[in-house]
Every structure is written in C-alpha cells, then in structure tokens.
PDB file of all heavy atoms in Angstrom:
ATOM      1  N   VAL A   1       3.205   1.744   8.119  1.00  0.00           N
ATOM      2  CA  VAL A   1       2.369   2.469   7.158  1.00  0.00           C
ATOM      3  C   VAL A   1       0.880   2.372   7.467  1.00  0.00           C
ATOM      4  O   VAL A   1       0.063   2.904   6.724  1.00  0.00           O
ATOM      5  CB  VAL A   1       2.648   1.994   5.709  1.00  0.00           C
ATOM      6  CG1 VAL A   1       4.058   2.351   5.291  1.00  0.00           C
ATOM      7  CG2 VAL A   1       2.383   0.513   5.558  1.00  0.00           C
ATOM      8  N   VAL A   2       0.495   1.719   8.567  1.00  0.00           N
ATOM      9  CA  VAL A   2      -0.920   1.592   8.922  1.00  0.00           C
ATOM     10  C   VAL A   2      -1.468   2.983   9.241  1.00  0.00           C
ATOM     11  O   VAL A   2      -0.785   3.809   9.846  1.00  0.00           O
ATOM     12  CB  VAL A   2      -1.108   0.618  10.104  1.00  0.00           C
ATOM     13  CG1 VAL A   2      -2.551   0.604  10.592  1.00  0.00           C
ATOM     14  CG2 VAL A   2      -0.693  -0.783   9.682  1.00  0.00           C
ATOM     15  N   CYS A   3      -2.692   3.240   8.820  1.00  0.00           N
ATOM     16  CA  CYS A   3      -3.417   4.500   8.983  1.00  0.00           C
ATOM     17  C   CYS A   3      -2.912   5.605   8.055  1.00  0.00           C
ATOM     18  O   CYS A   3      -3.189   6.783   8.277  1.00  0.00           O
ATOM     19  CB  CYS A   3      -3.431   4.969  10.442  1.00  0.00           C
ATOM     20  SG  CYS A   3      -4.323   3.815  11.518  1.00  0.00           S
ATOM     21  N   MET A   4      -2.169   5.244   7.024  1.00  0.00           N
ATOM     22  CA  MET A   4      -1.759   6.191   5.991  1.00  0.00           C
ATOM     23  C   MET A   4      -2.600   5.924   4.751  1.00  0.00           C
ATOM     24  O   MET A   4      -3.119   4.816   4.578  1.00  0.00           O
ATOM     25  CB  MET A   4      -0.276   5.997   5.616  1.00  0.00           C
ATOM     26  CG  MET A   4       0.699   6.249   6.726  1.00  0.00           C
ATOM     27  SD  MET A   4       2.400   5.873   6.238  1.00  0.00           S
ATOM     28  CE  MET A   4       2.796   7.323   5.301  1.00  0.00           C
ATOM     29  N   ASN A   5      -2.730   6.939   3.871  1.00  0.00           N
ATOM     30  CA  ASN A   5      -3.393   6.617   2.615  1.00  0.00           C
ATOM     31  C   ASN A   5      -2.438   5.748   1.798  1.00  0.00           C
ATOM     32  O   ASN A   5      -1.224   5.755   2.016  1.00  0.00           O
ATOM     33  CB  ASN A   5      -3.904   7.868   1.881  1.00  0.00           C
ATOM     34  CG  ASN A   5      -2.855   8.646   1.130  1.00  0.00           C
ATOM     35  OD1 ASN A   5      -2.028   8.093   0.428  1.00  0.00           O
ATOM     36  ND2 ASN A   5      -2.910   9.963   1.277  1.00  0.00           N
ATOM     37  N   LEU A   6      -2.998   4.971   0.899  1.00  0.00           N
ATOM     38  CA  LEU A   6      -2.225   3.971   0.173  1.00  0.00           C
ATOM     39  C   LEU A   6      -1.081   4.599  -0.607  1.00  0.00           C
ATOM     40  O   LEU A   6       0.026   4.060  -0.645  1.00  0.00           O
ATOM     41  CB  LEU A   6      -3.151   3.169  -0.751  1.00  0.00           C
ATOM     42  CG  LEU A   6      -2.503   2.084  -1.603  1.00  0.00           C
ATOM     43  CD1 LEU A   6      -1.762   1.074  -0.737  1.00  0.00           C
ATOM     44  CD2 LEU A   6      -3.561   1.394  -2.457  1.00  0.00           C
ATOM     45  N   GLN A   7      -1.293   5.745  -1.228  1.00  0.00           N
ATOM     46  CA  GLN A   7      -0.236   6.376  -2.009  1.00  0.00           C
ATOM     47  C   GLN A   7       0.946   6.769  -1.122  1.00  0.00           C
ATOM     48  O   GLN A   7       2.094   6.511  -1.464  1.00  0.00           O
ATOM     49  CB  GLN A   7      -0.759   7.606  -2.756  1.00  0.00           C
ATOM     50  CG  GLN A   7       0.289   8.254  -3.649  1.00  0.00           C
ATOM     51  CD  GLN A   7       0.744   7.319  -4.749  1.00  0.00           C
ATOM     52  OE1 GLN A   7      -0.051   6.888  -5.567  1.00  0.00           O
ATOM     53  NE2 GLN A   7       2.035   6.992  -4.778  1.00  0.00           N
ATOM     54  N   ASP A   8       0.671   7.374   0.015  1.00  0.00           N
ATOM     55  CA  ASP A   8       1.747   7.763   0.929  1.00  0.00           C
ATOM     56  C   ASP A   8       2.480   6.532   1.472  1.00  0.00           C
ATOM     57  O   ASP A   8       3.700   6.552   1.652  1.00  0.00           O
ATOM     58  CB  ASP A   8       1.202   8.617   2.081  1.00  0.00           C
ATOM     59  CG  ASP A   8       0.745   9.995   1.620  1.00  0.00           C
ATOM     60  OD1 ASP A   8       1.187  10.448   0.530  1.00  0.00           O
ATOM     61  OD2 ASP A   8      -0.061  10.619   2.336  1.00  0.00           O
ATOM     62  N   ALA A   9       1.742   5.458   1.734  1.00  0.00           N
ATOM     63  CA  ALA A   9       2.353   4.221   2.219  1.00  0.00           C
ATOM     64  C   ALA A   9       3.290   3.643   1.157  1.00  0.00           C
ATOM     65  O   ALA A   9       4.412   3.218   1.469  1.00  0.00           O
ATOM     66  CB  ALA A   9       1.273   3.205   2.588  1.00  0.00           C
ATOM     67  N   GLN A  10       2.853   3.651  -0.087  1.00  0.00           N
ATOM     68  CA  GLN A  10       3.704   3.156  -1.175  1.00  0.00           C
ATOM     69  C   GLN A  10       4.951   4.023  -1.315  1.00  0.00           C
ATOM     70  O   GLN A  10       6.054   3.510  -1.526  1.00  0.00           O
ATOM     71  CB  GLN A  10       2.924   3.116  -2.489  1.00  0.00           C
ATOM     72  CG  GLN A  10       1.858   2.047  -2.515  1.00  0.00           C
ATOM     73  CD  GLN A  10       0.938   2.170  -3.728  1.00  0.00           C
ATOM     74  OE1 GLN A  10       0.828   3.224  -4.351  1.00  0.00           O
ATOM     75  NE2 GLN A  10       0.266   1.077  -4.056  1.00  0.00           N
ATOM     76  N   ASN A  11       4.791   5.330  -1.196  1.00  0.00           N
ATOM     77  CA  ASN A  11       5.946   6.227  -1.280  1.00  0.00           C
ATOM     78  C   ASN A  11       6.953   5.938  -0.164  1.00  0.00           C
ATOM     79  O   ASN A  11       8.165   5.979  -0.381  1.00  0.00           O
ATOM     80  CB  ASN A  11       5.499   7.688  -1.216  1.00  0.00           C
ATOM     81  CG  ASN A  11       4.719   8.115  -2.447  1.00  0.00           C
ATOM     82  OD1 ASN A  11       4.732   7.442  -3.480  1.00  0.00           O
ATOM     83  ND2 ASN A  11       4.018   9.234  -2.335  1.00  0.00           N
ATOM     84  N   LYS A  12       6.462   5.648   1.037  1.00  0.00           N
ATOM     85  CA  LYS A  12       7.341   5.352   2.170  1.00  0.00           C
ATOM     86  C   LYS A  12       8.082   4.033   1.945  1.00  0.00           C
ATOM     87  O   LYS A  12       9.261   3.907   2.273  1.00  0.00           O
ATOM     88  CB  LYS A  12       6.531   5.306   3.468  1.00  0.00           C
ATOM     89  CG  LYS A  12       7.359   5.447   4.707  1.00  0.00           C
ATOM     90  CD  LYS A  12       6.494   5.752   5.918  1.00  0.00           C
ATOM     91  CE  LYS A  12       7.356   6.067   7.122  1.00  0.00           C
ATOM     92  NZ  LYS A  12       6.548   6.372   8.296  1.00  0.00           N
ATOM     93  N   ILE A  13       7.400   3.038   1.364  1.00  0.00           N
ATOM     94  CA  ILE A  13       8.032   1.752   1.043  1.00  0.00           C
ATOM     95  C   ILE A  13       9.097   1.961  -0.035  1.00  0.00           C
ATOM     96  O   ILE A  13      10.191   1.396   0.037  1.00  0.00           O
ATOM     97  CB  ILE A  13       6.970   0.712   0.636  1.00  0.00           C
ATOM     98  CG1 ILE A  13       6.127   0.333   1.858  1.00  0.00           C
ATOM     99  CG2 ILE A  13       7.608  -0.519   0.009  1.00  0.00           C
ATOM    100  CD1 ILE A  13       4.896  -0.488   1.537  1.00  0.00           C
ATOM    101  N   HIS A  14       8.796   2.799  -1.025  1.00  0.00           N
ATOM    102  CA  HIS A  14       9.787   3.110  -2.064  1.00  0.00           C
ATOM    103  C   HIS A  14      11.019   3.764  -1.444  1.00  0.00           C
ATOM    104  O   HIS A  14      12.150   3.443  -1.803  1.00  0.00           O
ATOM    105  CB  HIS A  14       9.200   4.044  -3.113  1.00  0.00           C
ATOM    106  CG  HIS A  14       8.163   3.417  -3.982  1.00  0.00           C
ATOM    107  ND1 HIS A  14       7.490   4.121  -4.943  1.00  0.00           N
ATOM    108  CD2 HIS A  14       7.666   2.159  -4.048  1.00  0.00           C
ATOM    109  CE1 HIS A  14       6.625   3.335  -5.547  1.00  0.00           C
ATOM    110  NE2 HIS A  14       6.710   2.136  -5.020  1.00  0.00           N
ATOM    111  N   ALA A  15      10.805   4.689  -0.522  1.00  0.00           N
ATOM    112  CA  ALA A  15      11.921   5.368   0.137  1.00  0.00           C
ATOM    113  C   ALA A  15      12.781   4.387   0.930  1.00  0.00           C
ATOM    114  O   ALA A  15      13.987   4.596   1.085  1.00  0.00           O
ATOM    115  CB  ALA A  15      11.393   6.471   1.058  1.00  0.00           C
ATOM    116  N   ALA A  16      12.183   3.292   1.392  1.00  0.00           N
ATOM    117  CA  ALA A  16      12.937   2.269   2.122  1.00  0.00           C
ATOM    118  C   ALA A  16      13.780   1.420   1.172  1.00  0.00           C
ATOM    119  O   ALA A  16      14.654   0.686   1.625  1.00  0.00           O
ATOM    120  CB  ALA A  16      11.984   1.382   2.920  1.00  0.00           C
ATOM    121  N   GLY A  17      13.518   1.496  -0.140  1.00  0.00           N
ATOM    122  CA  GLY A  17      14.321   0.765  -1.120  1.00  0.00           C
ATOM    123  C   GLY A  17      13.610  -0.354  -1.840  1.00  0.00           C
ATOM    124  O   GLY A  17      14.224  -1.087  -2.605  1.00  0.00           O
ATOM    125  N   VAL A  18      12.320  -0.523  -1.618  1.00  0.00           N
ATOM    126  CA  VAL A  18      11.545  -1.566  -2.301  1.00  0.00           C
ATOM    127  C   VAL A  18      10.526  -0.869  -3.194  1.00  0.00           C
ATOM    128  O   VAL A  18       9.811   0.022  -2.749  1.00  0.00           O
ATOM    129  CB  VAL A  18      10.851  -2.510  -1.292  1.00  0.00           C
ATOM    130  CG1 VAL A  18       9.918  -3.471  -1.992  1.00  0.00           C
ATOM    131  CG2 VAL A  18      11.899  -3.264  -0.503  1.00  0.00           C
ATOM    132  N   PHE A  19      10.460  -1.293  -4.459  1.00  0.00           N
ATOM    133  CA  PHE A  19       9.598  -0.594  -5.412  1.00  0.00           C
ATOM    134  C   PHE A  19       8.337  -1.360  -5.772  1.00  0.00           C
ATOM    135  O   PHE A  19       7.444  -0.816  -6.385  1.00  0.00           O
ATOM    136  CB  PHE A  19      10.396  -0.253  -6.669  1.00  0.00           C
ATOM    137  CG  PHE A  19      11.504   0.686  -6.363  1.00  0.00           C
ATOM    138  CD1 PHE A  19      12.781   0.220  -6.124  1.00  0.00           C
ATOM    139  CD2 PHE A  19      11.265   2.039  -6.245  1.00  0.00           C
ATOM    140  CE1 PHE A  19      13.805   1.093  -5.801  1.00  0.00           C
ATOM    141  CE2 PHE A  19      12.274   2.925  -5.920  1.00  0.00           C
ATOM    142  CZ  PHE A  19      13.547   2.451  -5.704  1.00  0.00           C
ATOM    143  N   TYR A  20       8.238  -2.612  -5.403  1.00  0.00           N
ATOM    144  CA  TYR A  20       7.045  -3.395  -5.723  1.00  0.00           C
ATOM    145  C   TYR A  20       6.365  -3.846  -4.443  1.00  0.00           C
ATOM    146  O   TYR A  20       6.898  -4.651  -3.683  1.00  0.00           O
ATOM    147  CB  TYR A  20       7.397  -4.606  -6.600  1.00  0.00           C
ATOM    148  CG  TYR A  20       6.220  -5.491  -6.903  1.00  0.00           C
ATOM    149  CD1 TYR A  20       5.139  -5.025  -7.640  1.00  0.00           C
ATOM    150  CD2 TYR A  20       6.158  -6.797  -6.427  1.00  0.00           C
ATOM    151  CE1 TYR A  20       4.053  -5.824  -7.906  1.00  0.00           C
ATOM    152  CE2 TYR A  20       5.070  -7.603  -6.697  1.00  0.00           C
ATOM    153  CZ  TYR A  20       4.024  -7.116  -7.433  1.00  0.00           C
ATOM    154  OH  TYR A  20       2.935  -7.893  -7.699  1.00  0.00           O
ATOM    155  N   SER A  21       5.173  -3.300  -4.204  1.00  0.00           N
ATOM    156  CA  SER A  21       4.348  -3.720  -3.069  1.00  0.00           C
ATOM    157  C   SER A  21       2.963  -4.040  -3.617  1.00  0.00           C
ATOM    158  O   SER A  21       2.610  -3.630  -4.716  1.00  0.00           O
ATOM    159  CB  SER A  21       4.272  -2.625  -2.005  1.00  0.00           C
ATOM    160  OG  SER A  21       3.709  -1.452  -2.547  1.00  0.00           O
ATOM    161  N   ARG A  22       2.196  -4.764  -2.850  1.00  0.00           N
ATOM    162  CA  ARG A  22       0.846  -5.143  -3.285  1.00  0.00           C
ATOM    163  C   ARG A  22      -0.173  -4.591  -2.298  1.00  0.00           C
ATOM    164  O   ARG A  22       0.134  -4.343  -1.143  1.00  0.00           O
ATOM    165  CB  ARG A  22       0.720  -6.667  -3.358  1.00  0.00           C
ATOM    166  CG  ARG A  22       1.666  -7.275  -4.378  1.00  0.00           C
ATOM    167  CD  ARG A  22       1.582  -8.772  -4.400  1.00  0.00           C
ATOM    168  NE  ARG A  22       2.355  -9.299  -3.251  1.00  0.00           N
ATOM    169  CZ  ARG A  22       2.383 -10.578  -2.907  1.00  0.00           C
ATOM    170  NH1 ARG A  22       1.676 -11.451  -3.557  1.00  0.00           N
ATOM    171  NH2 ARG A  22       3.122 -10.971  -1.889  1.00  0.00           N
ATOM    172  N   SER A  23      -1.390  -4.404  -2.803  1.00  0.00           N
ATOM    173  CA  SER A  23      -2.483  -3.980  -1.923  1.00  0.00           C
ATOM    174  C   SER A  23      -3.690  -4.848  -2.201  1.00  0.00           C
ATOM    175  O   SER A  23      -3.848  -5.371  -3.306  1.00  0.00           O
ATOM    176  CB  SER A  23      -2.812  -2.501  -2.147  1.00  0.00           C
ATOM    177  OG  SER A  23      -3.231  -2.274  -3.471  1.00  0.00           O
ATOM    178  N   LYS A  24      -4.535  -5.008  -1.171  1.00  0.00           N
ATOM    179  CA  LYS A  24      -5.751  -5.808  -1.330  1.00  0.00           C
ATOM    180  C   LYS A  24      -6.872  -5.165  -0.536  1.00  0.00           C
ATOM    181  O   LYS A  24      -6.643  -4.486   0.471  1.00  0.00           O
ATOM    182  CB  LYS A  24      -5.527  -7.258  -0.902  1.00  0.00           C
ATOM    183  CG  LYS A  24      -5.248  -7.426   0.582  1.00  0.00           C
ATOM    184  CD  LYS A  24      -5.108  -8.891   0.948  1.00  0.00           C
ATOM    185  CE  LYS A  24      -4.962  -9.026   2.457  1.00  0.00           C
ATOM    186  NZ  LYS A  24      -4.924 -10.402   2.885  1.00  0.00           N
ATOM    187  N   ASP A  25      -8.084  -5.388  -1.003  1.00  0.00           N
ATOM    188  CA  ASP A  25      -9.275  -4.853  -0.357  1.00  0.00           C
ATOM    189  C   ASP A  25      -9.511  -5.624   0.945  1.00  0.00           C
ATOM    190  O   ASP A  25      -9.727  -6.841   0.937  1.00  0.00           O
ATOM    191  CB  ASP A  25     -10.467  -4.999  -1.303  1.00  0.00           C
ATOM    192  CG  ASP A  25     -11.733  -4.358  -0.791  1.00  0.00           C
ATOM    193  OD1 ASP A  25     -11.745  -3.834   0.339  1.00  0.00           O
ATOM    194  OD2 ASP A  25     -12.728  -4.372  -1.542  1.00  0.00           O
ATOM    195  N   ALA A  26      -9.473  -4.927   2.078  1.00  0.00           N
ATOM    196  CA  ALA A  26      -9.632  -5.570   3.385  1.00  0.00           C
ATOM    197  C   ALA A  26     -11.061  -6.009   3.643  1.00  0.00           C
ATOM    198  O   ALA A  26     -11.306  -6.816   4.548  1.00  0.00           O
ATOM    199  CB  ALA A  26      -9.166  -4.625   4.495  1.00  0.00           C
ATOM    200  N   THR A  27     -12.044  -5.530   2.874  1.00  0.00           N
ATOM    201  CA  THR A  27     -13.437  -5.926   3.084  1.00  0.00           C
ATOM    202  C   THR A  27     -13.743  -7.278   2.465  1.00  0.00           C
ATOM    203  O   THR A  27     -14.795  -7.838   2.719  1.00  0.00           O
ATOM    204  CB  THR A  27     -14.396  -4.883   2.482  1.00  0.00           C
ATOM    205  OG1 THR A  27     -14.220  -4.861   1.063  1.00  0.00           O
ATOM    206  CG2 THR A  27     -14.171  -3.509   3.068  1.00  0.00           C
ATOM    207  N   GLY A  28     -12.838  -7.787   1.624  1.00  0.00           N
ATOM    208  CA  GLY A  28     -13.080  -9.059   0.955  1.00  0.00           C
ATOM    209  C   GLY A  28     -13.877  -8.924  -0.330  1.00  0.00           C
ATOM    210  O   GLY A  28     -14.223  -9.930  -0.950  1.00  0.00           O
ATOM    211  N   LYS A  29     -14.173  -7.704  -0.755  1.00  0.00           N
ATOM    212  CA  LYS A  29     -14.961  -7.484  -1.975  1.00  0.00           C
ATOM    213  C   LYS A  29     -14.098  -7.521  -3.243  1.00  0.00           C
ATOM    214  O   LYS A  29     -14.624  -7.390  -4.331  1.00  0.00           O
ATOM    215  CB  LYS A  29     -15.688  -6.140  -1.898  1.00  0.00           C
ATOM    216  CG  LYS A  29     -16.705  -6.061  -0.787  1.00  0.00           C
ATOM    217  CD  LYS A  29     -17.344  -4.688  -0.749  1.00  0.00           C
ATOM    218  CE  LYS A  29     -18.300  -4.548   0.415  1.00  0.00           C
ATOM    219  NZ  LYS A  29     -18.850  -3.195   0.528  1.00  0.00           N
ATOM    220  N   SER A  30     -12.815  -7.692  -3.098  1.00  0.00           N
ATOM    221  CA  SER A  30     -11.873  -7.762  -4.220  1.00  0.00           C
ATOM    222  C   SER A  30     -11.920  -6.536  -5.123  1.00  0.00           C
ATOM    223  O   SER A  30     -11.784  -6.645  -6.342  1.00  0.00           O
ATOM    224  CB  SER A  30     -12.104  -9.036  -5.050  1.00  0.00           C
ATOM    225  OG  SER A  30     -11.922 -10.177  -4.256  1.00  0.00           O
ATOM    226  N   ARG A  31     -12.138  -5.380  -4.549  1.00  0.00           N
ATOM    227  CA  ARG A  31     -12.145  -4.147  -5.340  1.00  0.00           C
ATOM    228  C   ARG A  31     -10.717  -3.758  -5.689  1.00  0.00           C
ATOM    229  O   ARG A  31      -9.793  -3.990  -4.921  1.00  0.00           O
ATOM    230  CB  ARG A  31     -12.830  -3.020  -4.567  1.00  0.00           C
ATOM    231  CG  ARG A  31     -14.290  -3.313  -4.249  1.00  0.00           C
ATOM    232  CD  ARG A  31     -14.893  -2.239  -3.390  1.00  0.00           C
ATOM    233  NE  ARG A  31     -14.273  -2.283  -2.059  1.00  0.00           N
ATOM    234  CZ  ARG A  31     -14.593  -1.456  -1.069  1.00  0.00           C
ATOM    235  NH1 ARG A  31     -15.496  -0.518  -1.249  1.00  0.00           N
ATOM    236  NH2 ARG A  31     -14.010  -1.564   0.095  1.00  0.00           N
ATOM    237  N   HIS A  32     -10.565  -3.155  -6.855  1.00  0.00           N
ATOM    238  CA  HIS A  32      -9.256  -2.694  -7.302  1.00  0.00           C
ATOM    239  C   HIS A  32      -8.999  -1.289  -6.769  1.00  0.00           C
ATOM    240  O   HIS A  32      -9.890  -0.455  -6.749  1.00  0.00           O
ATOM    241  CB  HIS A  32      -9.166  -2.693  -8.830  1.00  0.00           C
ATOM    242  CG  HIS A  32      -9.296  -4.053  -9.413  1.00  0.00           C
ATOM    243  ND1 HIS A  32      -8.274  -4.967  -9.410  1.00  0.00           N
ATOM    244  CD2 HIS A  32     -10.339  -4.666 -10.019  1.00  0.00           C
ATOM    245  CE1 HIS A  32      -8.671  -6.080  -9.977  1.00  0.00           C
ATOM    246  NE2 HIS A  32      -9.935  -5.930 -10.361  1.00  0.00           N
TER     247      HIS A  32
END
C-alpha cells in the first residue's frame, strides 16, 4: 500500500480481510 492515499490503502487492507488498521504521522508531528 506504499505510495497510495490513506483511504485507498485502508480499502485494500479491508479487501484483504482486516478491518482495523492504524495510521501515524511520519513527520513526527503527531497530526491526526
């Protein structure tokens, strides 16, 4: 899922059968 927008990446993970994934700000700024 690298280089995908977060929504599309989550959709692909859901299609694989997992519904709970987490995301974090890679800059370290802890943005939501």
